[in-house]
C-alpha atoms as a PDB file:
ATOM      1  CA  MET A   1    -212.517 125.333-254.367  1.00  0.00           C
ATOM      2  CA  SER A   2    -214.797 122.469-255.475  1.00  0.00           C
ATOM      3  CA  PRO A   3    -218.632 122.701-255.074  1.00  0.00           C
ATOM      4  CA  ALA A   4    -218.563 119.825-252.572  1.00  0.00           C
ATOM      5  CA  ILE A   5    -216.123 121.653-250.309  1.00  0.00           C
ATOM      6  CA  GLN A   6    -218.110 124.888-250.582  1.00  0.00           C
ATOM      7  CA  LEU A   7    -221.282 123.054-249.562  1.00  0.00           C
ATOM      8  CA  SER A   8    -219.450 121.506-246.608  1.00  0.00           C
ATOM      9  CA  LEU A   9    -218.229 124.929-245.473  1.00  0.00           C
ATOM     10  CA  ILE A  10    -221.769 126.351-245.595  1.00  0.00           C
ATOM     11  CA  THR A  11    -223.751 123.480-244.055  1.00  0.00           C
ATOM     12  CA  GLU A  12    -221.344 122.256-241.389  1.00  0.00           C
ATOM     13  CA  THR A  13    -222.741 122.557-237.845  1.00  0.00           C
ATOM     14  CA  ALA A  14    -221.007 122.092-234.532  1.00  0.00           C
ATOM     15  CA  PRO A  15    -221.859 118.769-232.867  1.00  0.00           C
ATOM     16  CA  ASP A  16    -221.190 120.072-229.354  1.00  0.00           C
ATOM     17  CA  ASP A  17    -220.614 123.782-228.806  1.00  0.00           C
ATOM     18  CA  ARG A  18    -220.698 123.316-225.028  1.00  0.00           C
ATOM     19  CA  VAL A  19    -217.037 122.345-225.145  1.00  0.00           C
ATOM     20  CA  PHE A  20    -216.082 125.566-226.878  1.00  0.00           C
ATOM     21  CA  ARG A  21    -218.223 127.667-224.562  1.00  0.00           C
ATOM     22  CA  LYS A  22    -216.241 126.142-221.722  1.00  0.00           C
ATOM     23  CA  VAL A  23    -212.950 126.976-223.433  1.00  0.00           C
ATOM     24  CA  PHE A  24    -214.240 130.466-224.240  1.00  0.00           C
ATOM     25  CA  GLN A  25    -215.066 131.192-220.611  1.00  0.00           C
ATOM     26  CA  ARG A  26    -211.776 129.774-219.410  1.00  0.00           C
ATOM     27  CA  LEU A  27    -209.429 131.517-221.838  1.00  0.00           C
ATOM     28  CA  VAL A  28    -210.841 134.443-223.776  1.00  0.00           C
ATOM     29  CA  PHE A  29    -211.678 136.746-220.874  1.00  0.00           C
ATOM     30  CA  PHE A  30    -208.240 136.174-219.372  1.00  0.00           C
ATOM     31  CA  LEU A  31    -206.588 136.910-222.727  1.00  0.00           C
ATOM     32  CA  PHE A  32    -208.779 140.016-223.013  1.00  0.00           C
ATOM     33  CA  ILE A  33    -207.279 141.317-219.749  1.00  0.00           C
ATOM     34  CA  LEU A  34    -203.782 140.613-221.046  1.00  0.00           C
ATOM     35  CA  LEU A  35    -204.478 142.701-224.147  1.00  0.00           C
ATOM     36  CA  VAL A  36    -205.844 145.583-222.058  1.00  0.00           C
ATOM     37  CA  VAL A  37    -202.631 145.651-220.022  1.00  0.00           C
ATOM     38  CA  SER A  38    -200.525 145.318-223.177  1.00  0.00           C
ATOM     39  CA  HIS A  39    -202.182 148.204-224.983  1.00  0.00           C
ATOM     40  CA  MET A  40    -202.108 150.361-221.856  1.00  0.00           C
ATOM     41  CA  ASP A  41    -198.335 149.955-221.652  1.00  0.00           C
ATOM     42  CA  ARG A  42    -198.112 150.853-225.328  1.00  0.00           C
ATOM     43  CA  ILE A  43    -200.061 154.130-225.160  1.00  0.00           C
ATOM     44  CA  ASN A  44    -199.233 155.349-221.652  1.00  0.00           C
ATOM     45  CA  ILE A  45    -196.262 157.287-223.003  1.00  0.00           C
ATOM     46  CA  ALA A  46    -198.788 159.646-224.649  1.00  0.00           C
ATOM     47  CA  PHE A  47    -200.150 160.605-221.214  1.00  0.00           C
ATOM     48  CA  ALA A  48    -196.712 160.663-219.583  1.00  0.00           C
ATOM     49  CA  ALA A  49    -195.599 163.159-222.238  1.00  0.00           C
ATOM     50  CA  LEU A  50    -197.789 165.826-220.661  1.00  0.00           C
ATOM     51  CA  THR A  51    -195.049 166.404-218.071  1.00  0.00           C
ATOM     52  CA  MET A  52    -192.248 164.067-219.148  1.00  0.00           C
ATOM     53  CA  ASN A  53    -191.331 166.059-222.240  1.00  0.00           C
ATOM     54  CA  LYS A  54    -190.516 169.142-220.197  1.00  0.00           C
ATOM     55  CA  ASP A  55    -188.643 167.185-217.514  1.00  0.00           C
ATOM     56  CA  LEU A  56    -186.457 165.421-220.104  1.00  0.00           C
ATOM     57  CA  GLY A  57    -186.155 168.379-222.461  1.00  0.00           C
ATOM     58  CA  LEU A  58    -187.874 166.586-225.337  1.00  0.00           C
ATOM     59  CA  SER A  59    -189.020 168.417-228.430  1.00  0.00           C
ATOM     60  CA  ALA A  60    -192.100 167.223-230.313  1.00  0.00           C
ATOM     61  CA  ALA A  61    -189.819 165.563-232.867  1.00  0.00           C
ATOM     62  CA  ALA A  62    -187.804 163.792-230.172  1.00  0.00           C
ATOM     63  CA  PHE A  63    -190.968 162.525-228.499  1.00  0.00           C
ATOM     64  CA  GLY A  64    -192.301 161.299-231.835  1.00  0.00           C
ATOM     65  CA  MET A  65    -189.027 159.468-232.418  1.00  0.00           C
ATOM     66  CA  SER A  66    -189.398 157.668-229.074  1.00  0.00           C
ATOM     67  CA  VAL A  67    -192.709 156.283-230.345  1.00  0.00           C
ATOM     68  CA  THR A  68    -191.162 155.361-233.694  1.00  0.00           C
ATOM     69  CA  VAL A  69    -188.298 153.526-231.990  1.00  0.00           C
ATOM     70  CA  PHE A  70    -190.802 151.387-230.086  1.00  0.00           C
ATOM     71  CA  TYR A  71    -192.681 150.336-233.220  1.00  0.00           C
ATOM     72  CA  ALA A  72    -189.513 149.773-235.247  1.00  0.00           C
ATOM     73  CA  ALA A  73    -188.208 147.326-232.638  1.00  0.00           C
ATOM     74  CA  TYR A  74    -191.658 145.762-232.346  1.00  0.00           C
ATOM     75  CA  ALA A  75    -191.894 145.150-236.091  1.00  0.00           C
ATOM     76  CA  LEU A  76    -188.325 143.832-236.329  1.00  0.00           C
ATOM     77  CA  PHE A  77    -188.867 141.165-233.679  1.00  0.00           C
ATOM     78  CA  GLU A  78    -192.487 140.276-234.504  1.00  0.00           C
ATOM     79  CA  ILE A  79    -191.858 137.258-236.738  1.00  0.00           C
ATOM     80  CA  PRO A  80    -188.961 135.800-234.681  1.00  0.00           C
ATOM     81  CA  SER A  81    -191.131 136.046-231.572  1.00  0.00           C
ATOM     82  CA  ASN A  82    -193.939 134.071-233.187  1.00  0.00           C
ATOM     83  CA  LEU A  83    -191.517 131.427-234.407  1.00  0.00           C
ATOM     84  CA  MET A  84    -190.264 131.053-230.837  1.00  0.00           C
ATOM     85  CA  LEU A  85    -193.827 130.718-229.538  1.00  0.00           C
ATOM     86  CA  ALA A  86    -194.378 127.756-231.839  1.00  0.00           C
ATOM     87  CA  LYS A  87    -191.040 126.266-230.800  1.00  0.00           C
ATOM     88  CA  VAL A  88    -191.059 126.610-226.995  1.00  0.00           C
ATOM     89  CA  GLY A  89    -194.812 126.596-226.353  1.00  0.00           C
ATOM     90  CA  ALA A  90    -197.433 129.285-225.891  1.00  0.00           C
ATOM     91  CA  ARG A  91    -197.616 129.180-222.085  1.00  0.00           C
ATOM     92  CA  LEU A  92    -193.929 129.844-221.529  1.00  0.00           C
ATOM     93  CA  TRP A  93    -193.511 132.341-224.356  1.00  0.00           C
ATOM     94  CA  ILE A  94    -196.594 134.442-223.595  1.00  0.00           C
ATOM     95  CA  ALA A  95    -195.476 134.583-219.958  1.00  0.00           C
ATOM     96  CA  ARG A  96    -191.979 135.627-221.073  1.00  0.00           C
ATOM     97  CA  ILE A  97    -193.362 138.371-223.283  1.00  0.00           C
ATOM     98  CA  MET A  98    -195.504 139.821-220.512  1.00  0.00           C
ATOM     99  CA  ILE A  99    -192.873 139.698-217.790  1.00  0.00           C
ATOM    100  CA  THR A 100    -190.108 141.245-219.887  1.00  0.00           C
ATOM    101  CA  TRP A 101    -192.290 143.953-221.431  1.00  0.00           C
ATOM    102  CA  GLY A 102    -193.750 144.803-218.012  1.00  0.00           C
ATOM    103  CA  LEU A 103    -190.288 145.217-216.528  1.00  0.00           C
ATOM    104  CA  ALA A 104    -189.102 147.245-219.533  1.00  0.00           C
ATOM    105  CA  SER A 105    -192.184 149.456-219.484  1.00  0.00           C
ATOM    106  CA  ALA A 106    -191.786 150.107-215.759  1.00  0.00           C
ATOM    107  CA  ALA A 107    -188.096 150.884-216.384  1.00  0.00           C
ATOM    108  CA  THR A 108    -189.139 153.813-218.587  1.00  0.00           C
ATOM    109  CA  MET A 109    -189.489 155.704-215.303  1.00  0.00           C
ATOM    110  CA  LEU A 110    -185.675 155.666-215.125  1.00  0.00           C
ATOM    111  CA  ALA A 111    -185.200 157.688-218.327  1.00  0.00           C
ATOM    112  CA  VAL A 112    -183.057 160.775-217.770  1.00  0.00           C
ATOM    113  CA  GLY A 113    -182.771 162.146-221.290  1.00  0.00           C
ATOM    114  CA  THR A 114    -183.504 161.642-224.954  1.00  0.00           C
ATOM    115  CA  TRP A 115    -181.157 158.746-225.659  1.00  0.00           C
ATOM    116  CA  SER A 116    -181.975 156.791-222.503  1.00  0.00           C
ATOM    117  CA  LEU A 117    -185.660 157.109-223.407  1.00  0.00           C
ATOM    118  CA  TYR A 118    -184.973 155.838-226.932  1.00  0.00           C
ATOM    119  CA  GLY A 119    -183.039 152.850-225.589  1.00  0.00           C
ATOM    120  CA  ILE A 120    -185.680 151.854-223.057  1.00  0.00           C
ATOM    121  CA  ARG A 121    -188.557 152.196-225.522  1.00  0.00           C
ATOM    122  CA  ALA A 122    -186.671 150.045-228.036  1.00  0.00           C
ATOM    123  CA  VAL A 123    -186.362 147.344-225.365  1.00  0.00           C
ATOM    124  CA  VAL A 124    -190.096 147.631-224.621  1.00  0.00           C
ATOM    125  CA  GLY A 125    -190.841 147.112-228.326  1.00  0.00           C
ATOM    126  CA  MET A 126    -188.519 144.110-228.542  1.00  0.00           C
ATOM    127  CA  ALA A 127    -190.044 142.576-225.416  1.00  0.00           C
ATOM    128  CA  GLU A 128    -193.670 143.062-226.458  1.00  0.00           C
ATOM    129  CA  ALA A 129    -193.154 141.923-230.062  1.00  0.00           C
ATOM    130  CA  GLY A 130    -195.262 138.946-230.987  1.00  0.00           C
ATOM    131  CA  PHE A 131    -197.865 139.295-228.259  1.00  0.00           C
ATOM    132  CA  LEU A 132    -200.945 140.133-230.342  1.00  0.00           C
ATOM    133  CA  PRO A 133    -200.270 137.780-233.282  1.00  0.00           C
ATOM    134  CA  GLY A 134    -199.063 135.179-230.787  1.00  0.00           C
ATOM    135  CA  ILE A 135    -202.402 135.220-228.989  1.00  0.00           C
ATOM    136  CA  LEU A 136    -204.274 135.026-232.295  1.00  0.00           C
ATOM    137  CA  LEU A 137    -202.161 131.980-233.170  1.00  0.00           C
ATOM    138  CA  TYR A 138    -202.805 130.527-229.712  1.00  0.00           C
ATOM    139  CA  LEU A 139    -206.566 130.803-230.245  1.00  0.00           C
ATOM    140  CA  THR A 140    -206.259 128.602-233.351  1.00  0.00           C
ATOM    141  CA  TYR A 141    -205.054 125.811-231.040  1.00  0.00           C
ATOM    142  CA  TRP A 142    -208.423 125.860-229.272  1.00  0.00           C
ATOM    143  CA  PHE A 143    -211.193 127.041-231.603  1.00  0.00           C
ATOM    144  CA  PRO A 144    -212.307 125.749-235.002  1.00  0.00           C
ATOM    145  CA  ARG A 145    -213.181 128.361-237.603  1.00  0.00           C
ATOM    146  CA  THR A 146    -216.912 128.228-236.727  1.00  0.00           C
ATOM    147  CA  CYS A 147    -216.103 129.574-233.230  1.00  0.00           C
ATOM    148  CA  ARG A 148    -212.839 131.428-233.783  1.00  0.00           C
ATOM    149  CA  ALA A 149    -214.287 134.689-235.131  1.00  0.00           C
ATOM    150  CA  ARG A 150    -216.219 135.253-231.900  1.00  0.00           C
ATOM    151  CA  ALA A 151    -213.152 134.519-229.790  1.00  0.00           C
ATOM    152  CA  ASN A 152    -210.976 136.838-231.893  1.00  0.00           C
ATOM    153  CA  ALA A 153    -213.585 139.597-231.797  1.00  0.00           C
ATOM    154  CA  LEU A 154    -213.923 139.630-228.019  1.00  0.00           C
ATOM    155  CA  PHE A 155    -210.154 139.496-227.585  1.00  0.00           C
ATOM    156  CA  ILE A 156    -209.583 142.449-229.962  1.00  0.00           C
ATOM    157  CA  MET A 157    -212.222 144.484-228.097  1.00  0.00           C
ATOM    158  CA  GLY A 158    -209.515 144.894-225.457  1.00  0.00           C
ATOM    159  CA  ILE A 159    -207.990 147.705-227.569  1.00  0.00           C
ATOM    160  CA  PRO A 160    -210.957 150.146-227.492  1.00  0.00           C
ATOM    161  CA  ALA A 161    -211.632 149.126-223.886  1.00  0.00           C
ATOM    162  CA  THR A 162    -208.071 150.122-223.012  1.00  0.00           C
ATOM    163  CA  ILE A 163    -208.450 153.545-224.594  1.00  0.00           C
ATOM    164  CA  ALA A 164    -211.573 154.130-222.503  1.00  0.00           C
ATOM    165  CA  ILE A 165    -209.830 153.028-219.305  1.00  0.00           C
ATOM    166  CA  ALA A 166    -206.313 154.368-219.812  1.00  0.00           C
ATOM    167  CA  SER A 167    -207.175 158.059-220.033  1.00  0.00           C
ATOM    168  CA  THR A 168    -208.925 158.170-216.664  1.00  0.00           C
ATOM    169  CA  LEU A 169    -206.458 155.877-214.926  1.00  0.00           C
ATOM    170  CA  SER A 170    -203.437 157.725-216.292  1.00  0.00           C
ATOM    171  CA  GLY A 171    -204.915 161.053-215.275  1.00  0.00           C
ATOM    172  CA  LEU A 172    -205.362 159.836-211.711  1.00  0.00           C
ATOM    173  CA  ILE A 173    -201.815 158.464-211.539  1.00  0.00           C
ATOM    174  CA  LEU A 174    -200.366 161.713-212.878  1.00  0.00           C
ATOM    175  CA  GLN A 175    -201.863 163.440-209.843  1.00  0.00           C
ATOM    176  CA  MET A 176    -199.331 161.511-207.721  1.00  0.00           C
ATOM    177  CA  ASP A 177    -196.704 164.009-208.858  1.00  0.00           C
ATOM    178  CA  GLY A 178    -194.276 164.623-206.002  1.00  0.00           C
ATOM    179  CA  VAL A 179    -195.267 161.587-203.902  1.00  0.00           C
ATOM    180  CA  PHE A 180    -192.010 160.391-202.280  1.00  0.00           C
ATOM    181  CA  GLY A 181    -190.266 162.953-204.456  1.00  0.00           C
ATOM    182  CA  VAL A 182    -191.108 161.051-207.665  1.00  0.00           C
ATOM    183  CA  ALA A 183    -192.608 162.764-210.721  1.00  0.00           C
ATOM    184  CA  GLY A 184    -196.118 161.744-211.733  1.00  0.00           C
ATOM    185  CA  TRP A 185    -195.039 160.449-215.133  1.00  0.00           C
ATOM    186  CA  ARG A 186    -192.514 158.123-213.460  1.00  0.00           C
ATOM    187  CA  TRP A 187    -195.277 156.747-211.232  1.00  0.00           C
ATOM    188  CA  LEU A 188    -197.339 156.239-214.395  1.00  0.00           C
ATOM    189  CA  PHE A 189    -194.807 153.928-216.022  1.00  0.00           C
ATOM    190  CA  LEU A 190    -194.186 152.026-212.800  1.00  0.00           C
ATOM    191  CA  LEU A 191    -197.796 151.435-211.786  1.00  0.00           C
ATOM    192  CA  GLU A 192    -198.954 150.544-215.293  1.00  0.00           C
ATOM    193  CA  GLY A 193    -195.942 148.321-216.025  1.00  0.00           C
ATOM    194  CA  LEU A 194    -196.034 146.080-212.958  1.00  0.00           C
ATOM    195  CA  PRO A 195    -199.480 144.507-213.707  1.00  0.00           C
ATOM    196  CA  ALA A 196    -197.970 142.939-216.843  1.00  0.00           C
ATOM    197  CA  VAL A 197    -195.278 141.277-214.711  1.00  0.00           C
ATOM    198  CA  ILE A 198    -197.869 139.929-212.272  1.00  0.00           C
ATOM    199  CA  LEU A 199    -200.114 138.635-215.064  1.00  0.00           C
ATOM    200  CA  GLY A 200    -197.093 137.105-216.814  1.00  0.00           C
ATOM    201  CA  ILE A 201    -196.371 135.059-213.705  1.00  0.00           C
ATOM    202  CA  CYS A 202    -200.063 134.082-213.607  1.00  0.00           C
ATOM    203  CA  CYS A 203    -199.767 132.854-217.215  1.00  0.00           C
ATOM    204  CA  LEU A 204    -197.256 130.227-216.105  1.00  0.00           C
ATOM    205  CA  PHE A 205    -199.889 128.654-213.886  1.00  0.00           C
ATOM    206  CA  TYR A 206    -203.111 129.495-215.746  1.00  0.00           C
ATOM    207  CA  LEU A 207    -202.330 128.868-219.418  1.00  0.00           C
ATOM    208  CA  VAL A 208    -201.439 125.572-221.072  1.00  0.00           C
ATOM    209  CA  ASP A 209    -199.865 124.970-224.469  1.00  0.00           C
ATOM    210  CA  GLY A 210    -202.977 123.389-225.956  1.00  0.00           C
ATOM    211  CA  PRO A 211    -206.087 121.274-225.279  1.00  0.00           C
ATOM    212  CA  ALA A 212    -204.069 118.078-224.796  1.00  0.00           C
ATOM    213  CA  HIS A 213    -202.412 119.617-221.699  1.00  0.00           C
ATOM    214  CA  ALA A 214    -205.591 121.071-220.144  1.00  0.00           C
ATOM    215  CA  ASN A 215    -206.503 119.186-216.959  1.00  0.00           C
ATOM    216  CA  TRP A 216    -209.762 121.162-216.811  1.00  0.00           C
ATOM    217  CA  LEU A 217    -210.992 119.343-219.934  1.00  0.00           C
ATOM    218  CA  THR A 218    -212.299 115.784-219.900  1.00  0.00           C
ATOM    219  CA  LYS A 219    -210.926 113.189-222.301  1.00  0.00           C
ATOM    220  CA  ASP A 220    -214.100 113.400-224.383  1.00  0.00           C
ATOM    221  CA  GLU A 221    -213.822 117.178-224.571  1.00  0.00           C
ATOM    222  CA  LYS A 222    -210.192 116.949-225.699  1.00  0.00           C
ATOM    223  CA  ARG A 223    -211.174 114.475-228.389  1.00  0.00           C
ATOM    224  CA  GLU A 224    -213.994 116.761-229.530  1.00  0.00           C
ATOM    225  CA  ILE A 225    -211.656 119.730-229.910  1.00  0.00           C
ATOM    226  CA  ALA A 226    -208.993 117.647-231.663  1.00  0.00           C
ATOM    227  CA  SER A 227    -211.600 116.202-234.046  1.00  0.00           C
ATOM    228  CA  ARG A 228    -212.994 119.615-234.981  1.00  0.00           C
ATOM    229  CA  LEU A 229    -209.558 121.125-235.534  1.00  0.00           C
ATOM    230  CA  GLU A 230    -208.447 118.172-237.630  1.00  0.00           C
ATOM    231  CA  HIS A 231    -211.619 118.474-239.725  1.00  0.00           C
ATOM    232  CA  ASP A 232    -210.772 122.138-240.356  1.00  0.00           C
ATOM    233  CA  ARG A 233    -207.228 121.246-241.411  1.00  0.00           C
ATOM    234  CA  THR A 234    -208.536 118.667-243.858  1.00  0.00           C
ATOM    235  CA  LEU A 235    -210.937 121.147-245.456  1.00  0.00           C
ATOM    236  CA  GLU A 236    -208.238 123.795-245.706  1.00  0.00           C
ATOM    237  CA  GLU A 237    -205.733 121.418-247.267  1.00  0.00           C
ATOM    238  CA  ASN A 238    -208.298 120.428-249.890  1.00  0.00           C
ATOM    239  CA  ALA A 239    -209.406 124.012-250.541  1.00  0.00           C
ATOM    240  CA  LEU A 240    -206.077 125.819-250.701  1.00  0.00           C
ATOM    241  CA  THR A 241    -203.540 125.698-253.467  1.00  0.00           C
ATOM    242  CA  LYS A 242    -200.046 124.910-252.247  1.00  0.00           C
ATOM    243  CA  ARG A 243    -197.947 128.069-252.519  1.00  0.00           C
ATOM    244  CA  SER A 244    -194.588 129.179-251.230  1.00  0.00           C
ATOM    245  CA  THR A 245    -194.398 131.621-248.325  1.00  0.00           C
ATOM    246  CA  LEU A 246    -192.917 134.298-250.598  1.00  0.00           C
ATOM    247  CA  SER A 247    -195.710 133.981-253.149  1.00  0.00           C
ATOM    248  CA  GLN A 248    -198.336 134.180-250.400  1.00  0.00           C
ATOM    249  CA  LEU A 249    -196.774 137.366-249.020  1.00  0.00           C
ATOM    250  CA  GLY A 250    -196.916 138.910-252.472  1.00  0.00           C
ATOM    251  CA  SER A 251    -200.457 137.830-253.256  1.00  0.00           C
ATOM    252  CA  ARG A 252    -203.013 140.512-254.119  1.00  0.00           C
ATOM    253  CA  ASN A 253    -205.262 139.859-251.115  1.00  0.00           C
ATOM    254  CA  VAL A 254    -202.395 139.935-248.624  1.00  0.00           C
ATOM    255  CA  VAL A 255    -201.025 143.193-250.040  1.00  0.00           C
ATOM    256  CA  LEU A 256    -204.462 144.864-250.000  1.00  0.00           C
ATOM    257  CA  LEU A 257    -205.169 143.734-246.444  1.00  0.00           C
ATOM    258  CA  CYS A 258    -201.744 144.957-245.324  1.00  0.00           C
ATOM    259  CA  ALA A 259    -202.395 148.354-246.905  1.00  0.00           C
ATOM    260  CA  ALA A 260    -205.813 148.655-245.272  1.00  0.00           C
ATOM    261  CA  TYR A 261    -204.446 147.619-241.883  1.00  0.00           C
ATOM    262  CA  PHE A 262    -201.511 150.013-242.225  1.00  0.00           C
ATOM    263  CA  GLY A 263    -203.888 152.902-242.816  1.00  0.00           C
ATOM    264  CA  LEU A 264    -206.089 151.909-239.893  1.00  0.00           C
ATOM    265  CA  ILE A 265    -203.251 151.489-237.405  1.00  0.00           C
ATOM    266  CA  THR A 266    -201.473 154.650-238.545  1.00  0.00           C
ATOM    267  CA  SER A 267    -204.532 156.791-237.868  1.00  0.00           C
ATOM    268  CA  LEU A 268    -205.342 155.097-234.551  1.00  0.00           C
ATOM    269  CA  ASN A 269    -201.770 155.346-233.258  1.00  0.00           C
ATOM    270  CA  ALA A 270    -201.469 158.993-234.310  1.00  0.00           C
ATOM    271  CA  ASN A 271    -204.663 159.723-232.412  1.00  0.00           C
ATOM    272  CA  SER A 272    -203.682 157.885-229.230  1.00  0.00           C
ATOM    273  CA  THR A 273    -200.149 159.354-229.273  1.00  0.00           C
ATOM    274  CA  TRP A 274    -200.881 163.041-229.809  1.00  0.00           C
ATOM    275  CA  VAL A 275    -204.412 163.767-228.544  1.00  0.00           C
ATOM    276  CA  PRO A 276    -203.425 164.331-224.863  1.00  0.00           C
ATOM    277  CA  GLN A 277    -200.875 166.983-225.878  1.00  0.00           C
ATOM    278  CA  ILE A 278    -203.307 168.545-228.356  1.00  0.00           C
ATOM    279  CA  VAL A 279    -205.948 168.818-225.632  1.00  0.00           C
ATOM    280  CA  GLN A 280    -203.384 170.366-223.277  1.00  0.00           C
ATOM    281  CA  SER A 281    -202.309 172.937-225.866  1.00  0.00           C
ATOM    282  CA  VAL A 282    -205.892 173.885-226.781  1.00  0.00           C
ATOM    283  CA  ALA A 283    -207.326 173.933-223.236  1.00  0.00           C
ATOM    284  CA  HIS A 284    -205.078 176.670-221.876  1.00  0.00           C
ATOM    285  CA  GLY A 285    -204.757 176.574-218.099  1.00  0.00           C
ATOM    286  CA  ALA A 286    -205.993 173.005-217.791  1.00  0.00           C
ATOM    287  CA  SER A 287    -204.080 170.644-215.540  1.00  0.00           C
ATOM    288  CA  THR A 288    -202.276 167.667-217.025  1.00  0.00           C
ATOM    289  CA  SER A 289    -204.739 165.302-215.394  1.00  0.00           C
ATOM    290  CA  SER A 290    -207.534 167.164-217.198  1.00  0.00           C
ATOM    291  CA  SER A 291    -205.693 166.725-220.492  1.00  0.00           C
ATOM    292  CA  ALA A 292    -205.307 163.006-219.854  1.00  0.00           C
ATOM    293  CA  CYS A 293    -208.848 162.420-218.653  1.00  0.00           C
ATOM    294  CA  SER A 294    -210.489 164.984-220.977  1.00  0.00           C
ATOM    295  CA  ARG A 295    -212.728 166.017-218.104  1.00  0.00           C
ATOM    296  CA  PRO A 296    -212.726 168.969-215.675  1.00  0.00           C
ATOM    297  CA  CYS A 297    -210.638 168.493-212.579  1.00  0.00           C
ATOM    298  CA  ARG A 298    -208.959 170.552-209.917  1.00  0.00           C
ATOM    299  CA  ARG A 299    -205.761 172.294-210.995  1.00  0.00           C
ATOM    300  CA  SER A 300    -202.901 170.537-209.267  1.00  0.00           C
ATOM    301  CA  SER A 301    -199.168 170.796-208.902  1.00  0.00           C
ATOM    302  CA  LEU A 302    -198.882 168.776-212.104  1.00  0.00           C
ATOM    303  CA  SER A 303    -199.530 171.899-214.160  1.00  0.00           C
ATOM    304  CA  ARG A 304    -196.337 173.256-215.565  1.00  0.00           C
END
C-alpha cells in the first residue's frame, strides 16, 4: 500500500454521518432481532434434550450426532446460499432463509426417533445456511468501512443476547409439558420456530435490496451513500493486489483467522450444546426447567 493511500485511510472523515445514523436505526436493530431468533433456533435443541433424549431413546452420542448433522449441512450450503443472495437480491433471499428455517425448526417437534431427528436437523441446517454471512454482506451494501464496524458489532451482539434470553424462555416453555397432550420439548421447537417465519414475512415488506431501492431515503441521501461506497471501492482497488480466489483462501492471514474462529466457535458451541444436560446431571433432583434456566424453580411434571 502506498504512503498516499495510507494517509487517506487515516485522515478520511465522513462528510455527513447523519445519513448512516438513519440507516443504522432503520436496519441494524431489525437485523439484530433476526440474529437473536436465528441463534435461538440453533441452540434450542440443547434445552429440548433435557426431556427429548429420553422420549426418543437418544444416547449422548446420538444427540451429539444430531448437532453435527445440522452444522455439516449448514457448512455445505453456506457458500451456495451467499451466491444466491447476490443473484436474487438480499430482501427475497433473507426472507426465504428465515421462513424455511423457521418451518424446519418448528418441524423438529415431529421427530419420532433418531433418524427422523437427523433428517429434520439436516434440513434446518440447509435452510439456515448463509444467514449470518449473508447479513454481513448485506451490511456492506449500506455502510462504508468507517461505519461498518459499529454496525457489525451491534449485529453480532445478538449471539450473547440470545444465550441470555434463550435459557429462561426455554425453561418456561418446557413447563408446558402435557398441555394438549404435547410434550414440553415439542412445544419448545414449535414456539421458538414460528417467530422466524413471521419475521421472514416481515422481511419481504421491511427490507430492500440496497440504498437505491429505499423509499425512506431522499435522493441526496442515496447519492451520499453511493459516493461513500464508491470511494471505498476505489481505495480498496488501489490498495489490494489482484489475486485469485484460490490464492486468497490459502493466504496466511485467512488460514490463521479461520483457525482462530474455528477454536472460538468450537468452544462456544460445545458449551451451549451440553451445559443444560451437565447442569441436570450435577443438580440431582432438579427439574428440567431448572436445568434450562439455571435457577431454582418448582419441581414439575417435566422431571423424569
